[in-house]
C-alpha atoms as a PDB file:
ATOM      1  CA  MET A   1      12.516  21.678  13.154  1.00  0.00           C
ATOM      2  CA  SER A   2       9.592  19.970  12.424  1.00  0.00           C
ATOM      3  CA  SER A   3       8.644  17.697   9.776  1.00  0.00           C
ATOM      4  CA  LEU A   4       5.833  16.372   8.441  1.00  0.00           C
ATOM      5  CA  PRO A   5       4.631  12.510   8.158  1.00  0.00           C
ATOM      6  CA  ILE A   6       5.396  10.375   5.427  1.00  0.00           C
ATOM      7  CA  PHE A   7       2.538   9.016   3.940  1.00  0.00           C
ATOM      8  CA  ILE A   8       2.936   6.085   1.178  1.00  0.00           C
ATOM      9  CA  ALA A   9       0.899   3.972  -1.561  1.00  0.00           C
ATOM     10  CA  ALA A  10       1.746   1.584  -3.501  1.00  0.00           C
ATOM     11  CA  VAL A  11       1.173  -0.748  -6.655  1.00  0.00           C
ATOM     12  CA  ALA A  12       1.251  -4.648  -6.446  1.00  0.00           C
ATOM     13  CA  ASN A  13       2.258  -6.967  -9.573  1.00  0.00           C
ATOM     14  CA  SER A  14      -1.455  -8.539  -8.761  1.00  0.00           C
ATOM     15  CA  ALA A  15      -4.255  -7.354  -6.877  1.00  0.00           C
ATOM     16  CA  ASP A  16      -5.811 -10.902  -5.936  1.00  0.00           C
ATOM     17  CA  ASP A  17      -1.891 -11.999  -5.189  1.00  0.00           C
ATOM     18  CA  PRO A  18       0.415  -9.419  -4.783  1.00  0.00           C
ATOM     19  CA  ILE A  19       4.138 -10.361  -4.509  1.00  0.00           C
ATOM     20  CA  TYR A  20       6.206  -7.450  -5.385  1.00  0.00           C
ATOM     21  CA  PRO A  21       5.902  -3.781  -6.175  1.00  0.00           C
ATOM     22  CA  VAL A  22       5.742  -2.260  -9.195  1.00  0.00           C
ATOM     23  CA  LEU A  23       5.136   1.183  -8.271  1.00  0.00           C
ATOM     24  CA  PHE A  24       5.438   3.239  -5.097  1.00  0.00           C
ATOM     25  CA  THR A  25       4.428   7.069  -4.019  1.00  0.00           C
ATOM     26  CA  TRP A  26       5.685   8.461  -0.910  1.00  0.00           C
ATOM     27  CA  SER A  27       5.537  11.918   0.158  1.00  0.00           C
ATOM     28  CA  ASN A  28       8.809  13.066   2.032  1.00  0.00           C
ATOM     29  CA  HIS A  29       8.958  15.069   5.471  1.00  0.00           C
ATOM     30  CA  ASP A  30       8.918  18.375   3.333  1.00  0.00           C
ATOM     31  CA  GLY A  31       5.927  17.634   1.738  1.00  0.00           C
ATOM     32  CA  GLU A  32       7.483  16.409  -1.583  1.00  0.00           C
ATOM     33  CA  ILE A  33       6.115  13.163  -3.458  1.00  0.00           C
ATOM     34  CA  LYS A  34       8.110  10.745  -5.075  1.00  0.00           C
ATOM     35  CA  GLU A  35       6.833   8.231  -7.038  1.00  0.00           C
ATOM     36  CA  VAL A  36       8.995   5.474  -8.666  1.00  0.00           C
ATOM     37  CA  LEU A  37       8.664   2.322 -11.139  1.00  0.00           C
ATOM     38  CA  VAL A  38       9.851  -0.532  -9.456  1.00  0.00           C
ATOM     39  CA  ILE A  39      12.273  -3.023 -11.922  1.00  0.00           C
ATOM     40  CA  PRO A  40      10.961  -6.161 -10.680  1.00  0.00           C
ATOM     41  CA  ASP A  41      13.625  -8.683  -8.937  1.00  0.00           C
ATOM     42  CA  ASP A  42      14.319 -12.057 -11.240  1.00  0.00           C
ATOM     43  CA  GLU A  43      13.056 -14.035  -8.141  1.00  0.00           C
ATOM     44  CA  TRP A  44      10.036 -11.980  -7.950  1.00  0.00           C
ATOM     45  CA  LEU A  45       9.057 -12.681 -11.210  1.00  0.00           C
ATOM     46  CA  GLU A  46       9.919 -16.301 -10.859  1.00  0.00           C
ATOM     47  CA  GLN A  47       7.010 -16.458  -8.273  1.00  0.00           C
ATOM     48  CA  ALA A  48       4.840 -14.587 -10.353  1.00  0.00           C
ATOM     49  CA  PRO A  49       3.831 -12.569 -13.345  1.00  0.00           C
ATOM     50  CA  ILE A  50       2.824  -8.883 -13.418  1.00  0.00           C
ATOM     51  CA  GLU A  51      -1.230  -8.816 -14.047  1.00  0.00           C
ATOM     52  CA  PRO A  52      -3.114  -6.277 -15.482  1.00  0.00           C
ATOM     53  CA  ASN A  53      -3.447  -3.390 -12.601  1.00  0.00           C
ATOM     54  CA  ALA A  54      -5.496  -0.045 -12.153  1.00  0.00           C
ATOM     55  CA  GLN A  55      -2.536   2.016 -13.199  1.00  0.00           C
ATOM     56  CA  HIS A  56      -1.973   0.355 -16.519  1.00  0.00           C
ATOM     57  CA  ILE A  57       1.675  -0.723 -15.683  1.00  0.00           C
ATOM     58  CA  SER A  58       3.189  -3.174 -17.784  1.00  0.00           C
ATOM     59  CA  GLU A  59       6.492  -4.968 -17.250  1.00  0.00           C
ATOM     60  CA  GLN A  60       7.805  -3.227 -20.400  1.00  0.00           C
ATOM     61  CA  GLN A  61       7.020   0.326 -18.554  1.00  0.00           C
ATOM     62  CA  LEU A  62       9.300  -0.960 -15.508  1.00  0.00           C
ATOM     63  CA  TYR A  63      12.390  -1.746 -17.294  1.00  0.00           C
ATOM     64  CA  GLU A  64      12.048   0.965 -19.430  1.00  0.00           C
ATOM     65  CA  PHE A  65      11.534   4.046 -16.949  1.00  0.00           C
ATOM     66  CA  GLY A  66      11.598   1.998 -13.472  1.00  0.00           C
ATOM     67  CA  HIS A  67      14.309   1.698 -10.638  1.00  0.00           C
ATOM     68  CA  GLU A  68      16.102  -1.220  -9.433  1.00  0.00           C
ATOM     69  CA  ALA A  69      15.266  -2.266  -5.889  1.00  0.00           C
ATOM     70  CA  GLN A  70      18.485  -1.379  -4.232  1.00  0.00           C
ATOM     71  CA  ASP A  71      18.238   2.115  -5.479  1.00  0.00           C
ATOM     72  CA  ILE A  72      14.879   2.802  -4.139  1.00  0.00           C
ATOM     73  CA  LEU A  73      16.462   1.311  -0.548  1.00  0.00           C
ATOM     74  CA  THR A  74      19.535   3.726  -1.189  1.00  0.00           C
ATOM     75  CA  GLU A  75      16.821   6.601  -1.286  1.00  0.00           C
ATOM     76  CA  TRP A  76      14.528   5.234   1.285  1.00  0.00           C
ATOM     77  CA  LEU A  77      17.440   4.503   3.827  1.00  0.00           C
ATOM     78  CA  SER A  78      18.735   8.464   3.253  1.00  0.00           C
ATOM     79  CA  GLU A  79      15.699   9.987   3.043  1.00  0.00           C
ATOM     80  CA  LEU A  80      13.239   8.572   5.179  1.00  0.00           C
ATOM     81  CA  ASP A  81      14.439   9.449   8.789  1.00  0.00           C
ATOM     82  CA  THR A  82      11.466   7.783  10.249  1.00  0.00           C
ATOM     83  CA  ASP A  83      10.435   4.346  12.254  1.00  0.00           C
ATOM     84  CA  VAL A  84       6.870   4.788  11.073  1.00  0.00           C
ATOM     85  CA  VAL A  85       5.027   5.661   7.402  1.00  0.00           C
ATOM     86  CA  TYR A  86       1.409   5.928   7.369  1.00  0.00           C
ATOM     87  CA  ALA A  87      -0.665   4.138   4.131  1.00  0.00           C
ATOM     88  CA  LEU A  88      -4.187   4.009   3.221  1.00  0.00           C
ATOM     89  CA  GLU A  89      -3.701   0.223   3.353  1.00  0.00           C
ATOM     90  CA  PRO A  90      -0.909  -0.826   5.300  1.00  0.00           C
ATOM     91  CA  GLU A  91      -1.861  -4.698   5.265  1.00  0.00           C
ATOM     92  CA  GLN A  92      -0.939  -4.783   1.767  1.00  0.00           C
ATOM     93  CA  VAL A  93       1.916  -1.980   1.516  1.00  0.00           C
ATOM     94  CA  SER A  94       3.893  -3.599   4.341  1.00  0.00           C
ATOM     95  CA  PRO A  95       4.832  -6.690   2.524  1.00  0.00           C
ATOM     96  CA  LEU A  96       5.422  -4.773  -0.574  1.00  0.00           C
ATOM     97  CA  VAL A  97       7.740  -2.759   1.150  1.00  0.00           C
ATOM     98  CA  GLU A  98       9.527  -5.347   2.938  1.00  0.00           C
ATOM     99  CA  ALA A  99       9.741  -6.967  -0.677  1.00  0.00           C
ATOM    100  CA  ILE A 100      12.258  -3.875  -1.517  1.00  0.00           C
ATOM    101  CA  PHE A 101      14.529  -4.595   1.771  1.00  0.00           C
ATOM    102  CA  ALA A 102      14.163  -8.494   1.227  1.00  0.00           C
ATOM    103  CA  VAL A 103      16.606  -7.750  -1.896  1.00  0.00           C
ATOM    104  CA  LYS A 104      19.449  -6.876   0.262  1.00  0.00           C
ATOM    105  CA  HIS A 105      18.673  -9.642   2.848  1.00  0.00           C
ATOM    106  CA  GLN A 106      17.653  -6.357   5.251  1.00  0.00           C
ATOM    107  CA  ASP A 107      14.501  -6.225   7.893  1.00  0.00           C
ATOM    108  CA  PRO A 108      12.364  -2.447   6.860  1.00  0.00           C
ATOM    109  CA  SER A 109      14.089   0.486   8.547  1.00  0.00           C
ATOM    110  CA  PHE A 110      10.608   1.674   9.337  1.00  0.00           C
ATOM    111  CA  GLU A 111       6.865  -0.011  10.127  1.00  0.00           C
ATOM    112  CA  VAL A 112       4.086   0.827   7.827  1.00  0.00           C
ATOM    113  CA  ARG A 113       1.004   2.117  10.075  1.00  0.00           C
ATOM    114  CA  SER A 114      -2.595   3.072   8.874  1.00  0.00           C
ATOM    115  CA  VAL A 115      -3.158   6.609   8.207  1.00  0.00           C
ATOM    116  CA  SER A 116      -6.602   6.530  10.276  1.00  0.00           C
ATOM    117  CA  GLU A 117      -3.497   5.816  13.005  1.00  0.00           C
ATOM    118  CA  TRP A 118      -1.985   9.157  12.490  1.00  0.00           C
ATOM    119  CA  TYR A 119      -4.858  10.991  12.442  1.00  0.00           C
ATOM    120  CA  GLN A 120      -6.228   9.531  15.519  1.00  0.00           C
ATOM    121  CA  LEU A 121      -2.888  10.364  17.262  1.00  0.00           C
ATOM    122  CA  GLN A 122      -3.593  14.105  16.112  1.00  0.00           C
ATOM    123  CA  GLY A 123      -6.977  14.218  17.526  1.00  0.00           C
ATOM    124  CA  GLU A 124      -9.171  13.751  14.532  1.00  0.00           C
ATOM    125  CA  ASN A 125     -11.483  10.873  12.467  1.00  0.00           C
ATOM    126  CA  PHE A 126      -9.724  10.233   9.191  1.00  0.00           C
ATOM    127  CA  HIS A 127     -13.070   8.160   7.875  1.00  0.00           C
ATOM    128  CA  ALA A 128     -15.466  11.237   9.019  1.00  0.00           C
ATOM    129  CA  ILE A 129     -13.086  13.562   7.533  1.00  0.00           C
ATOM    130  CA  ILE A 130     -13.308  11.538   4.134  1.00  0.00           C
ATOM    131  CA  GLU A 131     -16.824  11.045   4.492  1.00  0.00           C
ATOM    132  CA  GLY A 132     -17.072  14.797   4.567  1.00  0.00           C
ATOM    133  CA  GLU A 133     -15.351  15.389   1.526  1.00  0.00           C
ATOM    134  CA  GLU A 134     -17.185  15.397  -1.915  1.00  0.00           C
ATOM    135  CA  LEU A 135     -14.973  12.743  -4.075  1.00  0.00           C
ATOM    136  CA  SER A 136     -15.554  12.307  -7.310  1.00  0.00           C
ATOM    137  CA  THR A 137     -13.552   9.100  -6.817  1.00  0.00           C
ATOM    138  CA  PRO A 138     -13.340   6.780  -3.569  1.00  0.00           C
ATOM    139  CA  LEU A 139      -9.932   7.560  -2.224  1.00  0.00           C
ATOM    140  CA  HIS A 140      -9.160   3.648  -2.317  1.00  0.00           C
ATOM    141  CA  LEU A 141      -9.930   3.874  -6.299  1.00  0.00           C
ATOM    142  CA  MET A 142      -7.265   6.690  -7.002  1.00  0.00           C
ATOM    143  CA  SER A 143      -4.169   6.357  -8.158  1.00  0.00           C
ATOM    144  CA  PRO A 144      -1.153   6.563  -5.672  1.00  0.00           C
ATOM    145  CA  ASP A 145       0.099   9.794  -5.948  1.00  0.00           C
ATOM    146  CA  GLU A 146      -3.639  11.552  -5.803  1.00  0.00           C
ATOM    147  CA  GLN A 147      -3.829   9.338  -2.627  1.00  0.00           C
ATOM    148  CA  VAL A 148      -0.674  10.683  -0.761  1.00  0.00           C
ATOM    149  CA  LEU A 149      -1.500  13.980  -2.359  1.00  0.00           C
ATOM    150  CA  LEU A 150      -5.468  13.971  -0.611  1.00  0.00           C
ATOM    151  CA  ILE A 151      -4.479  12.657   2.920  1.00  0.00           C
ATOM    152  CA  LEU A 152      -1.491  15.366   2.882  1.00  0.00           C
ATOM    153  CA  GLN A 153      -4.279  18.032   1.611  1.00  0.00           C
ATOM    154  CA  LEU A 154      -6.686  17.256   3.969  1.00  0.00           C
ATOM    155  CA  ALA A 155      -4.079  17.303   7.098  1.00  0.00           C
ATOM    156  CA  ALA A 156      -3.093  20.332   6.100  1.00  0.00           C
ATOM    157  CA  ASP A 157      -7.133  21.827   5.772  1.00  0.00           C
ATOM    158  CA  ASN A 158      -7.697  20.524   9.524  1.00  0.00           C
ATOM    159  CA  ASN A 159      -4.291  22.154  10.477  1.00  0.00           C
ATOM    160  CA  LEU A 160      -3.105  18.770  11.553  1.00  0.00           C
ATOM    161  CA  LEU A 161       0.752  19.455  10.169  1.00  0.00           C
ATOM    162  CA  PRO A 162       3.575  21.313  11.693  1.00  0.00           C
ATOM    163  CA  ASP A 163       4.484  24.723  10.397  1.00  0.00           C
ATOM    164  CA  LEU A 164       7.869  24.233   8.222  1.00  0.00           C
ATOM    165  CA  THR A 165       8.639  27.623   8.280  1.00  0.00           C
END
């Protein structure tokens, strides 16, 4: 059975000096989108505080509604059966993924690559597709869940996804 690629987005503790994640959004092989707030590890907070961010996520929200890195890692290891996930900005998302795995002294079980690379493997130009869309908000300024949803939707609209039936 075919499965969908996994797309991921994240919000870091700081836009200027990202050290750890405060939010992850990802799609799974069935096209479901999941989002989770991340409770900061004590070591992370020793390195850097949580600064104001575009998603207005506060430290209090993380402790009230977030999940421990170990819980996120357990879910990823059981759900994300892949060697590669794709992000709009892999150079920013990859260190945040690494931070989750590092809590348990593990190396990531998957690599974070560019969404553009996945589209290119499908014979399409992601940037050309985005330019053809009339987006009211630029993709990089959208919330992580909007980013992942739009990337999946554009792939579906361009017949790049396998039929899951």
